Amino acid sequence: MYILYEVADRIATITLNRPDAANAQNAALLDELDAAWVRAGDDPDVSVIVLRAEGKHFSAGHDMTGGGGPVPDKITLEMIYTTESRRYLEYSMRWRNIPKPSIAAVQGRCIAGGLLLCWPCDLIIASEDAKFSDPVVMMGIGGVEYHGHTWELGPRKAKEILFTGRPVTAEEAEKTGMVNKVVPRDQLDTETRALAEQIAKMPPFGLRQAKRAVNQTLDIQGFYAAIQSVFDVHQTGHGNALSVGGWPVLMKLDEMKQNIK
């Protein structure tokens, strides 16, 4: 319903297809997306995975209003933890570790949960109008569930965008190394495809080993342990919001995201 999938020339293209909601992520979209990643990972005819999005924006983040299904009368921290550990942390880590090179093509806004889609990819190509943000500090939460900020941006830039909530431009993101290349909007798909085709010519086992070498190095430096521990820090934000009746603030933020034009 929300994900398009196709394979051609050893490249699997996974497309977010909910442009009317700025590709906001409800449970169904995330489950379909995970199934597409696993499908591409298991297909011996796929060497490279491309993640892209239809519409003006890559993703407005998590959809926690009506588009995500009915909201229960009573929201508990246990419910939040259980849901987020699966659909946000587990999914993102699985995508990161699929043993094939992946490229995210990002345009427009990439907000909060949108980062959980592009950060697990090995490479990111961004259009000139792309902006990356994580404004959840305004809800009393220290950052989204897959806390890649420090690794992707460096500690000082990570603190800046979290403390202020302002978006990072594509140009800034390229300077930090979070984005590999910035291209005009009308060239995003062609540039991403060209890179995918170049990579797909390489021996699949060599690509697998190269990816494993880099990811293992990051894990030895503490990436895996940090992601796991900061996920629990994230949950204390939810606990605080629930204790002071702050959950409606979270819903209001989501409504604001859905109005992005």
C-alpha atoms as a PDB file:
ATOM      1  CA  MET A   1       0.000   0.000   0.000  1.00  0.00           C
ATOM      2  CA  TYR A   2       2.751   2.459   0.948  1.00  0.00           C
ATOM      3  CA  ILE A   3       5.911   0.977  -0.591  1.00  0.00           C
ATOM      4  CA  LEU A   4       6.877   0.422  -4.224  1.00  0.00           C
ATOM      5  CA  TYR A   5       9.515  -2.177  -5.046  1.00  0.00           C
ATOM      6  CA  GLU A   6      11.326  -3.031  -8.249  1.00  0.00           C
ATOM      7  CA  VAL A   7      14.534  -4.712  -9.341  1.00  0.00           C
ATOM      8  CA  ALA A   8      16.484  -3.950 -12.503  1.00  0.00           C
ATOM      9  CA  ASP A   9      20.147  -4.398 -13.407  1.00  0.00           C
ATOM     10  CA  ARG A  10      20.967  -5.828  -9.958  1.00  0.00           C
ATOM     11  CA  ILE A  11      19.552  -2.740  -8.233  1.00  0.00           C
ATOM     12  CA  ALA A  12      16.531  -2.956  -5.926  1.00  0.00           C
ATOM     13  CA  THR A  13      14.654   0.335  -5.682  1.00  0.00           C
ATOM     14  CA  ILE A  14      12.462   0.807  -2.615  1.00  0.00           C
ATOM     15  CA  THR A  15      10.154   3.815  -2.834  1.00  0.00           C
ATOM     16  CA  LEU A  16       8.189   5.474  -0.052  1.00  0.00           C
ATOM     17  CA  ASN A  17       4.807   6.084  -1.654  1.00  0.00           C
ATOM     18  CA  ARG A  18       2.733   8.185   0.725  1.00  0.00           C
ATOM     19  CA  PRO A  19       3.351  11.638  -0.774  1.00  0.00           C
ATOM     20  CA  ASP A  20      -0.045  13.028   0.282  1.00  0.00           C
ATOM     21  CA  ALA A  21       1.197  12.820   3.901  1.00  0.00           C
ATOM     22  CA  ALA A  22       4.778  13.865   3.093  1.00  0.00           C
ATOM     23  CA  ASN A  23       5.683  10.176   3.473  1.00  0.00           C
ATOM     24  CA  ALA A  24       4.956  10.217   7.187  1.00  0.00           C
ATOM     25  CA  GLN A  25       5.508   6.757   8.636  1.00  0.00           C
ATOM     26  CA  ASN A  26       2.612   4.819  10.103  1.00  0.00           C
ATOM     27  CA  ALA A  27       2.918   1.228  11.301  1.00  0.00           C
ATOM     28  CA  ALA A  28       1.835  -0.244   7.972  1.00  0.00           C
ATOM     29  CA  LEU A  29       4.385   1.777   6.009  1.00  0.00           C
ATOM     30  CA  LEU A  30       7.215   0.733   8.318  1.00  0.00           C
ATOM     31  CA  ASP A  31       6.233  -2.932   8.222  1.00  0.00           C
ATOM     32  CA  GLU A  32       6.042  -2.850   4.424  1.00  0.00           C
ATOM     33  CA  LEU A  33       9.359  -1.033   4.272  1.00  0.00           C
ATOM     34  CA  ASP A  34      11.049  -3.619   6.491  1.00  0.00           C
ATOM     35  CA  ALA A  35       9.656  -6.424   4.320  1.00  0.00           C
ATOM     36  CA  ALA A  36      11.080  -4.706   1.220  1.00  0.00           C
ATOM     37  CA  TRP A  37      14.523  -4.358   2.816  1.00  0.00           C
ATOM     38  CA  VAL A  38      14.544  -8.025   3.828  1.00  0.00           C
ATOM     39  CA  ARG A  39      13.371  -9.035   0.348  1.00  0.00           C
ATOM     40  CA  ALA A  40      16.200  -7.096  -1.271  1.00  0.00           C
ATOM     41  CA  GLY A  41      18.701  -8.464   1.210  1.00  0.00           C
ATOM     42  CA  ASP A  42      17.673 -12.063   0.495  1.00  0.00           C
ATOM     43  CA  ASP A  43      17.552 -11.720  -3.312  1.00  0.00           C
ATOM     44  CA  PRO A  44      20.771 -13.074  -4.916  1.00  0.00           C
ATOM     45  CA  ASP A  45      20.026 -10.982  -8.007  1.00  0.00           C
ATOM     46  CA  VAL A  46      20.288  -7.737  -6.018  1.00  0.00           C
ATOM     47  CA  SER A  47      23.695  -6.142  -5.427  1.00  0.00           C
ATOM     48  CA  VAL A  48      22.659  -2.599  -4.422  1.00  0.00           C
ATOM     49  CA  ILE A  49      19.609  -1.179  -2.635  1.00  0.00           C
ATOM     50  CA  VAL A  50      18.265   2.320  -3.335  1.00  0.00           C
ATOM     51  CA  LEU A  51      15.801   3.993  -0.976  1.00  0.00           C
ATOM     52  CA  ARG A  52      13.872   6.934  -2.409  1.00  0.00           C
ATOM     53  CA  ALA A  53      10.567   8.731  -1.916  1.00  0.00           C
ATOM     54  CA  GLU A  54       7.745   9.991  -4.094  1.00  0.00           C
ATOM     55  CA  GLY A  55       6.595  13.579  -3.765  1.00  0.00           C
ATOM     56  CA  LYS A  56       8.112  16.811  -2.546  1.00  0.00           C
ATOM     57  CA  HIS A  57       9.508  15.481   0.736  1.00  0.00           C
ATOM     58  CA  PHE A  58      11.509  12.419   1.727  1.00  0.00           C
ATOM     59  CA  SER A  59       9.678  11.951   5.035  1.00  0.00           C
ATOM     60  CA  ALA A  60       7.949  14.077   7.654  1.00  0.00           C
ATOM     61  CA  GLY A  61       8.764  11.452  10.276  1.00  0.00           C
ATOM     62  CA  HIS A  62       6.544   9.296  12.427  1.00  0.00           C
ATOM     63  CA  ASP A  63       2.789   9.617  11.989  1.00  0.00           C
ATOM     64  CA  MET A  64       1.157   9.282  15.401  1.00  0.00           C
ATOM     65  CA  THR A  65      -2.240  10.756  14.539  1.00  0.00           C
ATOM     66  CA  GLY A  66      -5.122   9.242  12.590  1.00  0.00           C
ATOM     67  CA  GLY A  67      -2.890   8.189   9.717  1.00  0.00           C
ATOM     68  CA  GLY A  68      -1.125   5.817  12.061  1.00  0.00           C
ATOM     69  CA  GLY A  69      -4.277   4.084  13.209  1.00  0.00           C
ATOM     70  CA  PRO A  70      -6.398   4.666  16.300  1.00  0.00           C
ATOM     71  CA  VAL A  71      -4.648   6.097  19.345  1.00  0.00           C
ATOM     72  CA  PRO A  72      -5.403   4.024  22.476  1.00  0.00           C
ATOM     73  CA  ASP A  73      -7.257   5.634  25.361  1.00  0.00           C
ATOM     74  CA  LYS A  74      -4.395   4.870  27.728  1.00  0.00           C
ATOM     75  CA  ILE A  75      -0.803   5.230  26.562  1.00  0.00           C
ATOM     76  CA  THR A  76       1.805   3.581  28.782  1.00  0.00           C
ATOM     77  CA  LEU A  77       5.585   3.649  28.712  1.00  0.00           C
ATOM     78  CA  GLU A  78       5.626  -0.131  28.290  1.00  0.00           C
ATOM     79  CA  MET A  79       3.469   0.187  25.172  1.00  0.00           C
ATOM     80  CA  ILE A  80       5.689   2.908  23.726  1.00  0.00           C
ATOM     81  CA  TYR A  81       8.886   1.001  24.526  1.00  0.00           C
ATOM     82  CA  THR A  82       7.622  -2.222  22.982  1.00  0.00           C
ATOM     83  CA  THR A  83       6.466  -0.542  19.782  1.00  0.00           C
ATOM     84  CA  GLU A  84       9.518   1.665  19.321  1.00  0.00           C
ATOM     85  CA  SER A  85      12.060  -1.030  20.104  1.00  0.00           C
ATOM     86  CA  ARG A  86      10.662  -3.055  17.213  1.00  0.00           C
ATOM     87  CA  ARG A  87       9.625  -0.596  14.518  1.00  0.00           C
ATOM     88  CA  TYR A  88      12.176   2.132  15.137  1.00  0.00           C
ATOM     89  CA  LEU A  89      15.307   0.634  16.693  1.00  0.00           C
ATOM     90  CA  GLU A  90      15.193  -2.970  15.455  1.00  0.00           C
ATOM     91  CA  TYR A  91      14.129  -2.070  11.916  1.00  0.00           C
ATOM     92  CA  SER A  92      16.766   0.661  11.526  1.00  0.00           C
ATOM     93  CA  MET A  93      19.537  -1.582  12.834  1.00  0.00           C
ATOM     94  CA  ARG A  94      18.474  -4.413  10.525  1.00  0.00           C
ATOM     95  CA  TRP A  95      18.542  -2.105   7.492  1.00  0.00           C
ATOM     96  CA  ARG A  96      21.961  -0.797   8.508  1.00  0.00           C
ATOM     97  CA  ASN A  97      23.376  -4.309   8.718  1.00  0.00           C
ATOM     98  CA  ILE A  98      21.923  -5.857   5.554  1.00  0.00           C
ATOM     99  CA  PRO A  99      25.107  -7.036   3.798  1.00  0.00           C
ATOM    100  CA  LYS A 100      24.602  -5.068   0.598  1.00  0.00           C
ATOM    101  CA  PRO A 101      25.440  -1.431  -0.205  1.00  0.00           C
ATOM    102  CA  SER A 102      22.493   0.927   0.164  1.00  0.00           C
ATOM    103  CA  ILE A 103      21.920   4.478  -1.036  1.00  0.00           C
ATOM    104  CA  ALA A 104      19.293   6.924   0.209  1.00  0.00           C
ATOM    105  CA  ALA A 105      18.076   9.653  -2.151  1.00  0.00           C
ATOM    106  CA  VAL A 106      16.715  12.488  -0.014  1.00  0.00           C
ATOM    107  CA  GLN A 107      14.717  15.506  -1.155  1.00  0.00           C
ATOM    108  CA  GLY A 108      12.776  18.193   0.686  1.00  0.00           C
ATOM    109  CA  ARG A 109      12.226  17.681   4.393  1.00  0.00           C
ATOM    110  CA  CYS A 110      13.611  14.767   6.367  1.00  0.00           C
ATOM    111  CA  ILE A 111      12.275  15.196   9.887  1.00  0.00           C
ATOM    112  CA  ALA A 112      12.960  13.150  13.043  1.00  0.00           C
ATOM    113  CA  GLY A 113      11.768   9.643  12.103  1.00  0.00           C
ATOM    114  CA  GLY A 114      12.871  10.347   8.531  1.00  0.00           C
ATOM    115  CA  LEU A 115      16.430  10.185   9.820  1.00  0.00           C
ATOM    116  CA  LEU A 116      15.771   6.595  10.897  1.00  0.00           C
ATOM    117  CA  LEU A 117      15.224   5.759   7.234  1.00  0.00           C
ATOM    118  CA  CYS A 118      18.217   7.456   5.614  1.00  0.00           C
ATOM    119  CA  TRP A 119      20.872   7.125   8.350  1.00  0.00           C
ATOM    120  CA  PRO A 120      20.971   3.298   8.172  1.00  0.00           C
ATOM    121  CA  CYS A 121      21.883   3.568   4.486  1.00  0.00           C
ATOM    122  CA  ASP A 122      25.550   3.389   3.560  1.00  0.00           C
ATOM    123  CA  LEU A 123      25.469   6.429   1.278  1.00  0.00           C
ATOM    124  CA  ILE A 124      23.191   9.472   1.068  1.00  0.00           C
ATOM    125  CA  ILE A 125      22.633  11.617  -2.015  1.00  0.00           C
ATOM    126  CA  ALA A 126      20.668  14.783  -1.249  1.00  0.00           C
ATOM    127  CA  SER A 127      18.963  17.330  -3.452  1.00  0.00           C
ATOM    128  CA  GLU A 128      19.892  20.965  -2.962  1.00  0.00           C
ATOM    129  CA  ASP A 129      16.583  21.630  -1.200  1.00  0.00           C
ATOM    130  CA  ALA A 130      16.981  18.801   1.319  1.00  0.00           C
ATOM    131  CA  LYS A 131      16.825  19.699   5.009  1.00  0.00           C
ATOM    132  CA  PHE A 132      17.420  17.315   7.904  1.00  0.00           C
ATOM    133  CA  SER A 133      16.001  18.029  11.369  1.00  0.00           C
ATOM    134  CA  ASP A 134      15.183  16.461  14.714  1.00  0.00           C
ATOM    135  CA  PRO A 135      12.989  18.877  16.724  1.00  0.00           C
ATOM    136  CA  VAL A 136      11.900  16.424  19.427  1.00  0.00           C
ATOM    137  CA  VAL A 137      13.701  18.305  22.219  1.00  0.00           C
ATOM    138  CA  MET A 138      10.654  20.587  22.228  1.00  0.00           C
ATOM    139  CA  MET A 139       8.764  17.544  23.529  1.00  0.00           C
ATOM    140  CA  GLY A 140      11.299  16.937  26.282  1.00  0.00           C
ATOM    141  CA  ILE A 141      13.017  14.096  24.389  1.00  0.00           C
ATOM    142  CA  GLY A 142      16.740  14.108  23.659  1.00  0.00           C
ATOM    143  CA  GLY A 143      16.552  12.928  20.047  1.00  0.00           C
ATOM    144  CA  VAL A 144      14.962  10.246  17.906  1.00  0.00           C
ATOM    145  CA  GLU A 145      15.197   6.552  18.757  1.00  0.00           C
ATOM    146  CA  TYR A 146      18.106   5.618  16.464  1.00  0.00           C
ATOM    147  CA  HIS A 147      20.469   8.205  17.869  1.00  0.00           C
ATOM    148  CA  GLY A 148      22.962   8.551  15.041  1.00  0.00           C
ATOM    149  CA  HIS A 149      23.387  12.302  15.494  1.00  0.00           C
ATOM    150  CA  THR A 150      26.875  12.264  17.025  1.00  0.00           C
ATOM    151  CA  TRP A 151      28.179   9.721  14.523  1.00  0.00           C
ATOM    152  CA  GLU A 152      26.669  11.448  11.498  1.00  0.00           C
ATOM    153  CA  LEU A 153      27.325  15.096  12.389  1.00  0.00           C
ATOM    154  CA  GLY A 154      30.023  15.154  15.074  1.00  0.00           C
ATOM    155  CA  PRO A 155      29.306  16.099  18.698  1.00  0.00           C
ATOM    156  CA  ARG A 156      29.122  19.881  18.423  1.00  0.00           C
ATOM    157  CA  LYS A 157      26.926  20.004  15.326  1.00  0.00           C
ATOM    158  CA  ALA A 158      24.752  17.265  16.827  1.00  0.00           C
ATOM    159  CA  LYS A 159      24.226  19.337  19.968  1.00  0.00           C
ATOM    160  CA  GLU A 160      23.494  22.440  17.914  1.00  0.00           C
ATOM    161  CA  ILE A 161      20.681  20.901  15.891  1.00  0.00           C
ATOM    162  CA  LEU A 162      19.201  19.186  18.951  1.00  0.00           C
ATOM    163  CA  PHE A 163      19.411  22.275  21.178  1.00  0.00           C
ATOM    164  CA  THR A 164      17.895  24.582  18.550  1.00  0.00           C
ATOM    165  CA  GLY A 165      15.674  22.226  16.566  1.00  0.00           C
ATOM    166  CA  ARG A 166      16.781  23.930  13.355  1.00  0.00           C
ATOM    167  CA  PRO A 167      17.249  21.939  10.148  1.00  0.00           C
ATOM    168  CA  VAL A 168      20.636  21.095   8.678  1.00  0.00           C
ATOM    169  CA  THR A 169      20.859  22.005   5.016  1.00  0.00           C
ATOM    170  CA  ALA A 170      22.121  19.570   2.408  1.00  0.00           C
ATOM    171  CA  GLU A 171      25.265  21.671   2.018  1.00  0.00           C
ATOM    172  CA  GLU A 172      25.973  21.561   5.757  1.00  0.00           C
ATOM    173  CA  ALA A 173      25.295  17.833   5.860  1.00  0.00           C
ATOM    174  CA  GLU A 174      27.783  17.246   3.047  1.00  0.00           C
ATOM    175  CA  LYS A 175      30.462  19.175   4.948  1.00  0.00           C
ATOM    176  CA  THR A 176      30.031  16.977   8.026  1.00  0.00           C
ATOM    177  CA  GLY A 177      30.227  13.807   5.916  1.00  0.00           C
ATOM    178  CA  MET A 178      26.618  12.815   6.604  1.00  0.00           C
ATOM    179  CA  VAL A 179      25.768  13.338   2.918  1.00  0.00           C
ATOM    180  CA  ASN A 180      28.026  12.051   0.152  1.00  0.00           C
ATOM    181  CA  LYS A 181      26.864  14.358  -2.606  1.00  0.00           C
ATOM    182  CA  VAL A 182      24.442  17.255  -3.180  1.00  0.00           C
ATOM    183  CA  VAL A 183      22.760  17.538  -6.579  1.00  0.00           C
ATOM    184  CA  PRO A 184      20.025  19.632  -8.213  1.00  0.00           C
ATOM    185  CA  ARG A 185      16.552  18.348  -7.412  1.00  0.00           C
ATOM    186  CA  ASP A 186      15.809  17.308 -10.988  1.00  0.00           C
ATOM    187  CA  GLN A 187      18.987  15.201 -11.067  1.00  0.00           C
ATOM    188  CA  LEU A 188      18.478  13.348  -7.770  1.00  0.00           C
ATOM    189  CA  ASP A 189      17.162  10.106  -9.232  1.00  0.00           C
ATOM    190  CA  THR A 190      19.577   9.995 -12.174  1.00  0.00           C
ATOM    191  CA  GLU A 191      22.630  10.730 -10.016  1.00  0.00           C
ATOM    192  CA  THR A 192      21.574   8.133  -7.458  1.00  0.00           C
ATOM    193  CA  ARG A 193      20.960   5.568 -10.170  1.00  0.00           C
ATOM    194  CA  ALA A 194      24.334   6.247 -11.773  1.00  0.00           C
ATOM    195  CA  LEU A 195      26.103   5.675  -8.467  1.00  0.00           C
ATOM    196  CA  ALA A 196      24.115   2.487  -7.838  1.00  0.00           C
ATOM    197  CA  GLU A 197      25.008   1.178 -11.303  1.00  0.00           C
ATOM    198  CA  GLN A 198      28.691   1.884 -10.712  1.00  0.00           C
ATOM    199  CA  ILE A 199      28.636   0.003  -7.397  1.00  0.00           C
ATOM    200  CA  ALA A 200      26.603  -2.896  -8.848  1.00  0.00           C
ATOM    201  CA  LYS A 201      29.498  -3.689 -11.198  1.00  0.00           C
ATOM    202  CA  MET A 202      31.702  -4.599  -8.243  1.00  0.00           C
ATOM    203  CA  PRO A 203      31.949  -8.216  -6.946  1.00  0.00           C
ATOM    204  CA  PRO A 204      29.061  -8.762  -4.486  1.00  0.00           C
ATOM    205  CA  PHE A 205      31.220 -10.580  -1.929  1.00  0.00           C
ATOM    206  CA  GLY A 206      33.794  -7.802  -2.011  1.00  0.00           C
ATOM    207  CA  LEU A 207      31.066  -5.239  -1.394  1.00  0.00           C
ATOM    208  CA  ARG A 208      29.731  -7.303   1.492  1.00  0.00           C
ATOM    209  CA  GLN A 209      33.142  -7.553   3.098  1.00  0.00           C
ATOM    210  CA  ALA A 210      33.892  -3.856   2.627  1.00  0.00           C
ATOM    211  CA  LYS A 211      30.600  -2.902   4.283  1.00  0.00           C
ATOM    212  CA  ARG A 212      31.198  -5.310   7.134  1.00  0.00           C
ATOM    213  CA  ALA A 213      34.698  -3.922   7.691  1.00  0.00           C
ATOM    214  CA  VAL A 214      33.457  -0.352   8.040  1.00  0.00           C
ATOM    215  CA  ASN A 215      30.422  -1.229  10.169  1.00  0.00           C
ATOM    216  CA  GLN A 216      32.494  -3.472  12.436  1.00  0.00           C
ATOM    217  CA  THR A 217      34.994  -0.645  12.909  1.00  0.00           C
ATOM    218  CA  LEU A 218      32.191   1.704  13.964  1.00  0.00           C
ATOM    219  CA  ASP A 219      30.835  -0.935  16.338  1.00  0.00           C
ATOM    220  CA  ILE A 220      34.270  -1.415  17.913  1.00  0.00           C
ATOM    221  CA  GLN A 221      34.378   2.354  18.405  1.00  0.00           C
ATOM    222  CA  GLY A 222      31.108   2.081  20.318  1.00  0.00           C
ATOM    223  CA  PHE A 223      28.369   2.689  17.765  1.00  0.00           C
ATOM    224  CA  TYR A 224      26.232  -0.350  18.614  1.00  0.00           C
ATOM    225  CA  ALA A 225      26.502   0.098  22.384  1.00  0.00           C
ATOM    226  CA  ALA A 226      25.758   3.819  22.115  1.00  0.00           C
ATOM    227  CA  ILE A 227      22.680   3.301  19.935  1.00  0.00           C
ATOM    228  CA  GLN A 228      21.302   0.743  22.388  1.00  0.00           C
ATOM    229  CA  SER A 229      21.947   2.810  25.513  1.00  0.00           C
ATOM    230  CA  VAL A 230      20.686   6.098  24.089  1.00  0.00           C
ATOM    231  CA  PHE A 231      17.462   4.358  23.063  1.00  0.00           C
ATOM    232  CA  ASP A 232      16.779   3.957  26.787  1.00  0.00           C
ATOM    233  CA  VAL A 233      17.606   7.633  27.339  1.00  0.00           C
ATOM    234  CA  HIS A 234      14.995   8.399  24.673  1.00  0.00           C
ATOM    235  CA  GLN A 235      12.423   6.401  26.626  1.00  0.00           C
ATOM    236  CA  THR A 236      12.963   8.511  29.749  1.00  0.00           C
ATOM    237  CA  GLY A 237      11.708  11.434  27.662  1.00  0.00           C
ATOM    238  CA  HIS A 238       8.498   9.557  26.950  1.00  0.00           C
ATOM    239  CA  GLY A 239       8.196   8.673  30.624  1.00  0.00           C
ATOM    240  CA  ASN A 240       8.545  12.301  31.600  1.00  0.00           C
ATOM    241  CA  ALA A 241       6.005  13.412  28.983  1.00  0.00           C
ATOM    242  CA  LEU A 242       3.492  10.883  30.272  1.00  0.00           C
ATOM    243  CA  SER A 243       4.047  11.889  33.891  1.00  0.00           C
ATOM    244  CA  VAL A 244       3.359  15.568  33.178  1.00  0.00           C
ATOM    245  CA  GLY A 245       0.638  14.997  30.608  1.00  0.00           C
ATOM    246  CA  GLY A 246       2.891  15.984  27.736  1.00  0.00           C
ATOM    247  CA  TRP A 247       1.761  13.372  25.196  1.00  0.00           C
ATOM    248  CA  PRO A 248      -0.691  15.828  23.537  1.00  0.00           C
ATOM    249  CA  VAL A 249       2.320  18.047  22.758  1.00  0.00           C
ATOM    250  CA  LEU A 250       3.805  15.168  20.780  1.00  0.00           C
ATOM    251  CA  MET A 251       0.545  14.780  18.866  1.00  0.00           C
ATOM    252  CA  LYS A 252       0.492  18.508  18.114  1.00  0.00           C
ATOM    253  CA  LEU A 253       3.994  18.355  16.685  1.00  0.00           C
ATOM    254  CA  ASP A 254       2.922  15.517  14.422  1.00  0.00           C
ATOM    255  CA  GLU A 255      -0.057  17.537  13.192  1.00  0.00           C
ATOM    256  CA  MET A 256       2.324  20.372  12.349  1.00  0.00           C
ATOM    257  CA  LYS A 257       4.529  18.022  10.343  1.00  0.00           C
ATOM    258  CA  GLN A 258       1.598  16.777   8.301  1.00  0.00           C
ATOM    259  CA  ASN A 259       0.898  20.358   7.166  1.00  0.00           C
ATOM    260  CA  ILE A 260       4.285  20.653   5.455  1.00  0.00           C
ATOM    261  CA  LYS A 261       3.803  21.828   1.872  1.00  0.00           C
END
